[in-house]
Amino acid sequence: MTPEEIKSLIEAGLEDSEAIVEGEDGTHFQAIVVCDQFEGLPLVKRHQLVYKTLGDKMKSEIHALSIRPLTRSEWENSKDLRTL
């Protein structure tokens, strides 16, 4: 998989989301996912929402995915989190 494919899957699966995805080896990736659906959810639930958008690809094509799930207000207020 490519970072662009993962970005597309996440953004298609989470309405009004934005994803920044990086990964150079095709199996290990890092993502910042900004989505207001995360509001009020604990970290594990946020991760589950992102994993759901990737479906079986997490079992076969993606070996590891590091996720920083943020609401829009968290994203805007956290300049130190803007890099992967």
PDB file of N, CA and C in Angstrom:
ATOM      1  N   MET A   1       0.843  -1.188   0.000  1.00  0.00           N
ATOM      2  CA  MET A   1       0.000   0.000   0.000  1.00  0.00           C
ATOM      3  C   MET A   1       0.880   1.240   0.000  1.00  0.00           C
ATOM      4  N   THR A   2       0.286   2.307  -0.456  1.00  0.00           N
ATOM      5  CA  THR A   2       0.987   3.586  -0.422  1.00  0.00           C
ATOM      6  C   THR A   2       0.329   4.495   0.619  1.00  0.00           C
ATOM      7  N   PRO A   3       1.057   5.494   1.088  1.00  0.00           N
ATOM      8  CA  PRO A   3       0.456   6.446   2.012  1.00  0.00           C
ATOM      9  C   PRO A   3      -0.794   7.117   1.412  1.00  0.00           C
ATOM     10  N   GLU A   4      -0.775   7.360   0.125  1.00  0.00           N
ATOM     11  CA  GLU A   4      -1.914   8.008  -0.535  1.00  0.00           C
ATOM     12  C   GLU A   4      -3.159   7.117  -0.506  1.00  0.00           C
ATOM     13  N   GLU A   5      -2.961   5.800  -0.685  1.00  0.00           N
ATOM     14  CA  GLU A   5      -4.091   4.869  -0.629  1.00  0.00           C
ATOM     15  C   GLU A   5      -4.693   4.815   0.770  1.00  0.00           C
ATOM     16  N   ILE A   6      -3.837   4.796   1.780  1.00  0.00           N
ATOM     17  CA  ILE A   6      -4.323   4.779   3.163  1.00  0.00           C
ATOM     18  C   ILE A   6      -5.058   6.073   3.471  1.00  0.00           C
ATOM     19  N   LYS A   7      -4.496   7.192   3.057  1.00  0.00           N
ATOM     20  CA  LYS A   7      -5.142   8.495   3.249  1.00  0.00           C
ATOM     21  C   LYS A   7      -6.534   8.489   2.631  1.00  0.00           C
ATOM     22  N   SER A   8      -6.656   7.998   1.417  1.00  0.00           N
ATOM     23  CA  SER A   8      -7.949   7.954   0.722  1.00  0.00           C
ATOM     24  C   SER A   8      -8.959   7.084   1.457  1.00  0.00           C
ATOM     25  N   LEU A   9      -8.534   5.929   1.936  1.00  0.00           N
ATOM     26  CA  LEU A   9      -9.431   5.031   2.662  1.00  0.00           C
ATOM     27  C   LEU A   9      -9.930   5.669   3.956  1.00  0.00           C
ATOM     28  N   ILE A  10      -9.013   6.288   4.693  1.00  0.00           N
ATOM     29  CA  ILE A  10      -9.394   6.927   5.952  1.00  0.00           C
ATOM     30  C   ILE A  10     -10.374   8.069   5.694  1.00  0.00           C
ATOM     31  N   GLU A  11     -10.047   8.930   4.746  1.00  0.00           N
ATOM     32  CA  GLU A  11     -10.900  10.092   4.476  1.00  0.00           C
ATOM     33  C   GLU A  11     -12.250   9.682   3.900  1.00  0.00           C
ATOM     34  N   ALA A  12     -12.310   8.580   3.163  1.00  0.00           N
ATOM     35  CA  ALA A  12     -13.588   8.082   2.641  1.00  0.00           C
ATOM     36  C   ALA A  12     -14.424   7.456   3.753  1.00  0.00           C
ATOM     37  N   GLY A  13     -13.756   6.849   4.733  1.00  0.00           N
ATOM     38  CA  GLY A  13     -14.462   6.148   5.799  1.00  0.00           C
ATOM     39  C   GLY A  13     -14.885   7.007   6.968  1.00  0.00           C
ATOM     40  N   LEU A  14     -14.230   8.145   7.144  1.00  0.00           N
ATOM     41  CA  LEU A  14     -14.568   9.069   8.225  1.00  0.00           C
ATOM     42  C   LEU A  14     -15.005  10.397   7.609  1.00  0.00           C
ATOM     43  N   GLU A  15     -16.271  10.669   7.680  1.00  0.00           N
ATOM     44  CA  GLU A  15     -16.827  11.871   7.068  1.00  0.00           C
ATOM     45  C   GLU A  15     -16.142  13.131   7.601  1.00  0.00           C
ATOM     46  N   ASP A  16     -15.832  14.043   6.700  1.00  0.00           N
ATOM     47  CA  ASP A  16     -15.195  15.328   7.029  1.00  0.00           C
ATOM     48  C   ASP A  16     -13.875  15.171   7.773  1.00  0.00           C
ATOM     49  N   SER A  17     -13.111  14.162   7.414  1.00  0.00           N
ATOM     50  CA  SER A  17     -11.807  13.968   8.053  1.00  0.00           C
ATOM     51  C   SER A  17     -10.692  14.404   7.116  1.00  0.00           C
ATOM     52  N   GLU A  18      -9.539  14.637   7.714  1.00  0.00           N
ATOM     53  CA  GLU A  18      -8.322  14.919   6.966  1.00  0.00           C
ATOM     54  C   GLU A  18      -7.236  14.007   7.524  1.00  0.00           C
ATOM     55  N   ALA A  19      -6.465  13.404   6.653  1.00  0.00           N
ATOM     56  CA  ALA A  19      -5.399  12.515   7.096  1.00  0.00           C
ATOM     57  C   ALA A  19      -4.079  12.917   6.452  1.00  0.00           C
ATOM     58  N   ILE A  20      -3.038  12.825   7.252  1.00  0.00           N
ATOM     59  CA  ILE A  20      -1.669  12.981   6.767  1.00  0.00           C
ATOM     60  C   ILE A  20      -1.012  11.632   7.031  1.00  0.00           C
ATOM     61  N   VAL A  21      -0.570  10.970   5.985  1.00  0.00           N
ATOM     62  CA  VAL A  21      -0.008   9.627   6.128  1.00  0.00           C
ATOM     63  C   VAL A  21       1.382   9.596   5.504  1.00  0.00           C
ATOM     64  N   GLU A  22       2.314   9.007   6.229  1.00  0.00           N
ATOM     65  CA  GLU A  22       3.672   8.826   5.735  1.00  0.00           C
ATOM     66  C   GLU A  22       4.096   7.386   5.952  1.00  0.00           C
ATOM     67  N   GLY A  23       5.004   6.937   5.134  1.00  0.00           N
ATOM     68  CA  GLY A  23       5.562   5.590   5.252  1.00  0.00           C
ATOM     69  C   GLY A  23       6.334   5.283   4.000  1.00  0.00           C
ATOM     70  N   GLU A  24       7.569   4.860   4.160  1.00  0.00           N
ATOM     71  CA  GLU A  24       8.432   4.677   2.998  1.00  0.00           C
ATOM     72  C   GLU A  24       8.642   3.227   2.576  1.00  0.00           C
ATOM     73  N   ASP A  25       8.325   2.274   3.466  1.00  0.00           N
ATOM     74  CA  ASP A  25       8.634   0.890   3.120  1.00  0.00           C
ATOM     75  C   ASP A  25       7.436   0.085   2.615  1.00  0.00           C
ATOM     76  N   GLY A  26       6.254   0.702   2.562  1.00  0.00           N
ATOM     77  CA  GLY A  26       5.080   0.022   2.035  1.00  0.00           C
ATOM     78  C   GLY A  26       4.327  -0.835   3.028  1.00  0.00           C
ATOM     79  N   THR A  27       4.833  -0.969   4.263  1.00  0.00           N
ATOM     80  CA  THR A  27       4.125  -1.765   5.274  1.00  0.00           C
ATOM     81  C   THR A  27       4.030  -1.079   6.635  1.00  0.00           C
ATOM     82  N   HIS A  28       4.902  -0.126   6.912  1.00  0.00           N
ATOM     83  CA  HIS A  28       4.898   0.603   8.184  1.00  0.00           C
ATOM     84  C   HIS A  28       4.538   2.065   7.905  1.00  0.00           C
ATOM     85  N   PHE A  29       3.511   2.557   8.607  1.00  0.00           N
ATOM     86  CA  PHE A  29       2.995   3.900   8.318  1.00  0.00           C
ATOM     87  C   PHE A  29       2.733   4.678   9.601  1.00  0.00           C
ATOM     88  N   GLN A  30       2.716   6.007   9.468  1.00  0.00           N
ATOM     89  CA  GLN A  30       2.333   6.917  10.533  1.00  0.00           C
ATOM     90  C   GLN A  30       1.237   7.815   9.977  1.00  0.00           C
ATOM     91  N   ALA A  31       0.238   8.104  10.814  1.00  0.00           N
ATOM     92  CA  ALA A  31      -0.868   8.943  10.347  1.00  0.00           C
ATOM     93  C   ALA A  31      -1.324   9.904  11.427  1.00  0.00           C
ATOM     94  N   ILE A  32      -1.610  11.114  11.012  1.00  0.00           N
ATOM     95  CA  ILE A  32      -2.362  12.061  11.828  1.00  0.00           C
ATOM     96  C   ILE A  32      -3.736  12.118  11.179  1.00  0.00           C
ATOM     97  N   VAL A  33      -4.768  11.871  11.970  1.00  0.00           N
ATOM     98  CA  VAL A  33      -6.132  11.892  11.451  1.00  0.00           C
ATOM     99  C   VAL A  33      -6.915  12.934  12.244  1.00  0.00           C
ATOM    100  N   VAL A  34      -7.445  13.912  11.524  1.00  0.00           N
ATOM    101  CA  VAL A  34      -8.202  14.997  12.148  1.00  0.00           C
ATOM    102  C   VAL A  34      -9.666  14.822  11.780  1.00  0.00           C
ATOM    103  N   CYS A  35     -10.506  14.668  12.820  1.00  0.00           N
ATOM    104  CA  CYS A  35     -11.917  14.404  12.579  1.00  0.00           C
ATOM    105  C   CYS A  35     -12.728  14.745  13.827  1.00  0.00           C
ATOM    106  N   ASP A  36     -13.795  15.492  13.654  1.00  0.00           N
ATOM    107  CA  ASP A  36     -14.621  15.852  14.799  1.00  0.00           C
ATOM    108  C   ASP A  36     -15.433  14.694  15.352  1.00  0.00           C
ATOM    109  N   GLN A  37     -15.509  13.570  14.638  1.00  0.00           N
ATOM    110  CA  GLN A  37     -16.174  12.376  15.182  1.00  0.00           C
ATOM    111  C   GLN A  37     -15.431  11.844  16.406  1.00  0.00           C
ATOM    112  N   PHE A  38     -14.190  12.263  16.605  1.00  0.00           N
ATOM    113  CA  PHE A  38     -13.403  11.827  17.749  1.00  0.00           C
ATOM    114  C   PHE A  38     -13.790  12.555  19.037  1.00  0.00           C
ATOM    115  N   GLU A  39     -14.553  13.616  18.927  1.00  0.00           N
ATOM    116  CA  GLU A  39     -14.920  14.433  20.087  1.00  0.00           C
ATOM    117  C   GLU A  39     -15.526  13.568  21.192  1.00  0.00           C
ATOM    118  N   GLY A  40     -14.954  13.655  22.381  1.00  0.00           N
ATOM    119  CA  GLY A  40     -15.461  12.946  23.544  1.00  0.00           C
ATOM    120  C   GLY A  40     -15.120  11.471  23.627  1.00  0.00           C
ATOM    121  N   LEU A  41     -14.405  10.954  22.625  1.00  0.00           N
ATOM    122  CA  LEU A  41     -14.065   9.526  22.615  1.00  0.00           C
ATOM    123  C   LEU A  41     -12.683   9.300  23.225  1.00  0.00           C
ATOM    124  N   PRO A  42     -12.523   8.194  23.965  1.00  0.00           N
ATOM    125  CA  PRO A  42     -11.184   7.850  24.452  1.00  0.00           C
ATOM    126  C   PRO A  42     -10.294   7.433  23.278  1.00  0.00           C
ATOM    127  N   LEU A  43      -9.007   7.439  23.530  1.00  0.00           N
ATOM    128  CA  LEU A  43      -8.025   7.146  22.482  1.00  0.00           C
ATOM    129  C   LEU A  43      -8.279   5.810  21.791  1.00  0.00           C
ATOM    130  N   VAL A  44      -8.601   4.773  22.544  1.00  0.00           N
ATOM    131  CA  VAL A  44      -8.805   3.457  21.943  1.00  0.00           C
ATOM    132  C   VAL A  44      -9.988   3.463  20.976  1.00  0.00           C
ATOM    133  N   LYS A  45     -11.054   4.178  21.285  1.00  0.00           N
ATOM    134  CA  LYS A  45     -12.217   4.264  20.387  1.00  0.00           C
ATOM    135  C   LYS A  45     -11.862   5.036  19.126  1.00  0.00           C
ATOM    136  N   ARG A  46     -11.042   6.062  19.266  1.00  0.00           N
ATOM    137  CA  ARG A  46     -10.592   6.833  18.101  1.00  0.00           C
ATOM    138  C   ARG A  46      -9.797   5.930  17.158  1.00  0.00           C
ATOM    139  N   HIS A  47      -8.893   5.150  17.735  1.00  0.00           N
ATOM    140  CA  HIS A  47      -8.092   4.229  16.921  1.00  0.00           C
ATOM    141  C   HIS A  47      -8.992   3.210  16.230  1.00  0.00           C
ATOM    142  N   GLN A  48      -9.982   2.697  16.935  1.00  0.00           N
ATOM    143  CA  GLN A  48     -10.885   1.707  16.350  1.00  0.00           C
ATOM    144  C   GLN A  48     -11.632   2.279  15.153  1.00  0.00           C
ATOM    145  N   LEU A  49     -12.039   3.547  15.235  1.00  0.00           N
ATOM    146  CA  LEU A  49     -12.715   4.174  14.094  1.00  0.00           C
ATOM    147  C   LEU A  49     -11.803   4.239  12.870  1.00  0.00           C
ATOM    148  N   VAL A  50     -10.540   4.559  13.100  1.00  0.00           N
ATOM    149  CA  VAL A  50      -9.588   4.630  11.982  1.00  0.00           C
ATOM    150  C   VAL A  50      -9.330   3.233  11.421  1.00  0.00           C
ATOM    151  N   TYR A  51      -9.089   2.262  12.287  1.00  0.00           N
ATOM    152  CA  TYR A  51      -8.847   0.894  11.823  1.00  0.00           C
ATOM    153  C   TYR A  51     -10.024   0.355  11.018  1.00  0.00           C
ATOM    154  N   LYS A  52     -11.224   0.713  11.418  1.00  0.00           N
ATOM    155  CA  LYS A  52     -12.428   0.255  10.706  1.00  0.00           C
ATOM    156  C   LYS A  52     -12.416   0.718   9.245  1.00  0.00           C
ATOM    157  N   THR A  53     -11.896   1.902   8.980  1.00  0.00           N
ATOM    158  CA  THR A  53     -11.854   2.411   7.607  1.00  0.00           C
ATOM    159  C   THR A  53     -10.906   1.606   6.725  1.00  0.00           C
ATOM    160  N   LEU A  54      -9.954   0.910   7.346  1.00  0.00           N
ATOM    161  CA  LEU A  54      -8.946   0.158   6.598  1.00  0.00           C
ATOM    162  C   LEU A  54      -9.307  -1.316   6.440  1.00  0.00           C
ATOM    163  N   GLY A  55     -10.268  -1.777   7.218  1.00  0.00           N
ATOM    164  CA  GLY A  55     -10.774  -3.138   7.080  1.00  0.00           C
ATOM    165  C   GLY A  55      -9.693  -4.203   7.099  1.00  0.00           C
ATOM    166  N   ASP A  56      -9.790  -5.154   6.181  1.00  0.00           N
ATOM    167  CA  ASP A  56      -8.868  -6.290   6.126  1.00  0.00           C
ATOM    168  C   ASP A  56      -7.445  -5.913   5.721  1.00  0.00           C
ATOM    169  N   LYS A  57      -7.276  -4.705   5.226  1.00  0.00           N
ATOM    170  CA  LYS A  57      -5.929  -4.280   4.825  1.00  0.00           C
ATOM    171  C   LYS A  57      -4.981  -4.246   6.027  1.00  0.00           C
ATOM    172  N   MET A  58      -5.548  -4.055   7.245  1.00  0.00           N
ATOM    173  CA  MET A  58      -4.726  -4.075   8.446  1.00  0.00           C
ATOM    174  C   MET A  58      -4.188  -5.480   8.718  1.00  0.00           C
ATOM    175  N   LYS A  59      -4.838  -6.488   8.199  1.00  0.00           N
ATOM    176  CA  LYS A  59      -4.393  -7.863   8.409  1.00  0.00           C
ATOM    177  C   LYS A  59      -3.419  -8.325   7.334  1.00  0.00           C
ATOM    178  N   SER A  60      -3.518  -7.725   6.145  1.00  0.00           N
ATOM    179  CA  SER A  60      -2.741  -8.260   5.030  1.00  0.00           C
ATOM    180  C   SER A  60      -1.722  -7.285   4.442  1.00  0.00           C
ATOM    181  N   GLU A  61      -2.097  -6.049   4.242  1.00  0.00           N
ATOM    182  CA  GLU A  61      -1.217  -5.129   3.504  1.00  0.00           C
ATOM    183  C   GLU A  61      -0.493  -4.113   4.371  1.00  0.00           C
ATOM    184  N   ILE A  62      -0.999  -3.868   5.571  1.00  0.00           N
ATOM    185  CA  ILE A  62      -0.384  -2.883   6.468  1.00  0.00           C
ATOM    186  C   ILE A  62       0.141  -3.635   7.682  1.00  0.00           C
ATOM    187  N   HIS A  63       1.447  -3.623   7.859  1.00  0.00           N
ATOM    188  CA  HIS A  63       2.029  -4.332   8.994  1.00  0.00           C
ATOM    189  C   HIS A  63       1.884  -3.518  10.279  1.00  0.00           C
ATOM    190  N   ALA A  64       2.100  -2.211  10.197  1.00  0.00           N
ATOM    191  CA  ALA A  64       2.022  -1.348  11.380  1.00  0.00           C
ATOM    192  C   ALA A  64       1.531   0.037  10.983  1.00  0.00           C
ATOM    193  N   LEU A  65       0.672   0.590  11.836  1.00  0.00           N
ATOM    194  CA  LEU A  65       0.158   1.935  11.607  1.00  0.00           C
ATOM    195  C   LEU A  65       0.124   2.678  12.931  1.00  0.00           C
ATOM    196  N   SER A  66       0.919   3.713  13.042  1.00  0.00           N
ATOM    197  CA  SER A  66       0.919   4.584  14.216  1.00  0.00           C
ATOM    198  C   SER A  66      -0.061   5.715  13.938  1.00  0.00           C
ATOM    199  N   ILE A  67      -1.022   5.927  14.849  1.00  0.00           N
ATOM    200  CA  ILE A  67      -2.097   6.899  14.605  1.00  0.00           C
ATOM    201  C   ILE A  67      -2.114   7.967  15.688  1.00  0.00           C
ATOM    202  N   ARG A  68      -2.231   9.227  15.270  1.00  0.00           N
ATOM    203  CA  ARG A  68      -2.519  10.345  16.167  1.00  0.00           C
ATOM    204  C   ARG A  68      -3.898  10.877  15.780  1.00  0.00           C
ATOM    205  N   PRO A  69      -4.945  10.431  16.459  1.00  0.00           N
ATOM    206  CA  PRO A  69      -6.300  10.889  16.130  1.00  0.00           C
ATOM    207  C   PRO A  69      -6.651  12.145  16.921  1.00  0.00           C
ATOM    208  N   LEU A  70      -6.989  13.214  16.224  1.00  0.00           N
ATOM    209  CA  LEU A  70      -7.262  14.498  16.859  1.00  0.00           C
ATOM    210  C   LEU A  70      -8.565  15.099  16.351  1.00  0.00           C
ATOM    211  N   THR A  71      -9.249  15.833  17.224  1.00  0.00           N
ATOM    212  CA  THR A  71     -10.376  16.639  16.757  1.00  0.00           C
ATOM    213  C   THR A  71      -9.795  17.889  16.091  1.00  0.00           C
ATOM    214  N   ARG A  72     -10.624  18.635  15.401  1.00  0.00           N
ATOM    215  CA  ARG A  72     -10.131  19.856  14.746  1.00  0.00           C
ATOM    216  C   ARG A  72      -9.588  20.857  15.767  1.00  0.00           C
ATOM    217  N   SER A  73     -10.260  21.001  16.892  1.00  0.00           N
ATOM    218  CA  SER A  73      -9.781  21.953  17.898  1.00  0.00           C
ATOM    219  C   SER A  73      -8.455  21.482  18.505  1.00  0.00           C
ATOM    220  N   GLU A  74      -8.294  20.180  18.723  1.00  0.00           N
ATOM    221  CA  GLU A  74      -7.020  19.659  19.215  1.00  0.00           C
ATOM    222  C   GLU A  74      -5.910  19.913  18.201  1.00  0.00           C
ATOM    223  N   TRP A  75      -6.218  19.711  16.937  1.00  0.00           N
ATOM    224  CA  TRP A  75      -5.248  19.943  15.854  1.00  0.00           C
ATOM    225  C   TRP A  75      -4.826  21.408  15.814  1.00  0.00           C
ATOM    226  N   GLU A  76      -5.796  22.305  15.879  1.00  0.00           N
ATOM    227  CA  GLU A  76      -5.501  23.735  15.801  1.00  0.00           C
ATOM    228  C   GLU A  76      -4.729  24.235  17.020  1.00  0.00           C
ATOM    229  N   ASN A  77      -4.937  23.616  18.165  1.00  0.00           N
ATOM    230  CA  ASN A  77      -4.294  24.066  19.400  1.00  0.00           C
ATOM    231  C   ASN A  77      -3.005  23.325  19.728  1.00  0.00           C
ATOM    232  N   SER A  78      -2.583  22.416  18.887  1.00  0.00           N
ATOM    233  CA  SER A  78      -1.402  21.596  19.201  1.00  0.00           C
ATOM    234  C   SER A  78      -0.367  21.683  18.103  1.00  0.00           C
ATOM    235  N   LYS A  79       0.335  22.771  18.053  1.00  0.00           N
ATOM    236  CA  LYS A  79       1.348  22.957  17.019  1.00  0.00           C
ATOM    237  C   LYS A  79       2.438  21.894  17.112  1.00  0.00           C
ATOM    238  N   ASP A  80       2.745  21.410  18.319  1.00  0.00           N
ATOM    239  CA  ASP A  80       3.786  20.412  18.475  1.00  0.00           C
ATOM    240  C   ASP A  80       3.382  19.053  17.913  1.00  0.00           C
ATOM    241  N   LEU A  81       2.090  18.810  17.661  1.00  0.00           N
ATOM    242  CA  LEU A  81       1.621  17.538  17.121  1.00  0.00           C
ATOM    243  C   LEU A  81       1.490  17.540  15.596  1.00  0.00           C
ATOM    244  N   ARG A  82       1.903  18.600  14.954  1.00  0.00           N
ATOM    245  CA  ARG A  82       1.696  18.722  13.524  1.00  0.00           C
ATOM    246  C   ARG A  82       2.702  17.961  12.670  1.00  0.00           C
ATOM    247  N   THR A  83       3.635  17.324  13.329  1.00  0.00           N
ATOM    248  CA  THR A  83       4.584  16.504  12.577  1.00  0.00           C
ATOM    249  C   THR A  83       4.446  15.057  13.017  1.00  0.00           C
ATOM    250  N   LEU A  84       4.761  14.165  12.115  1.00  0.00           N
ATOM    251  CA  LEU A  84       4.646  12.732  12.422  1.00  0.00           C
ATOM    252  C   LEU A  84       5.811  12.222  13.187  1.00  0.00           C
TER     253      LEU A  84
END
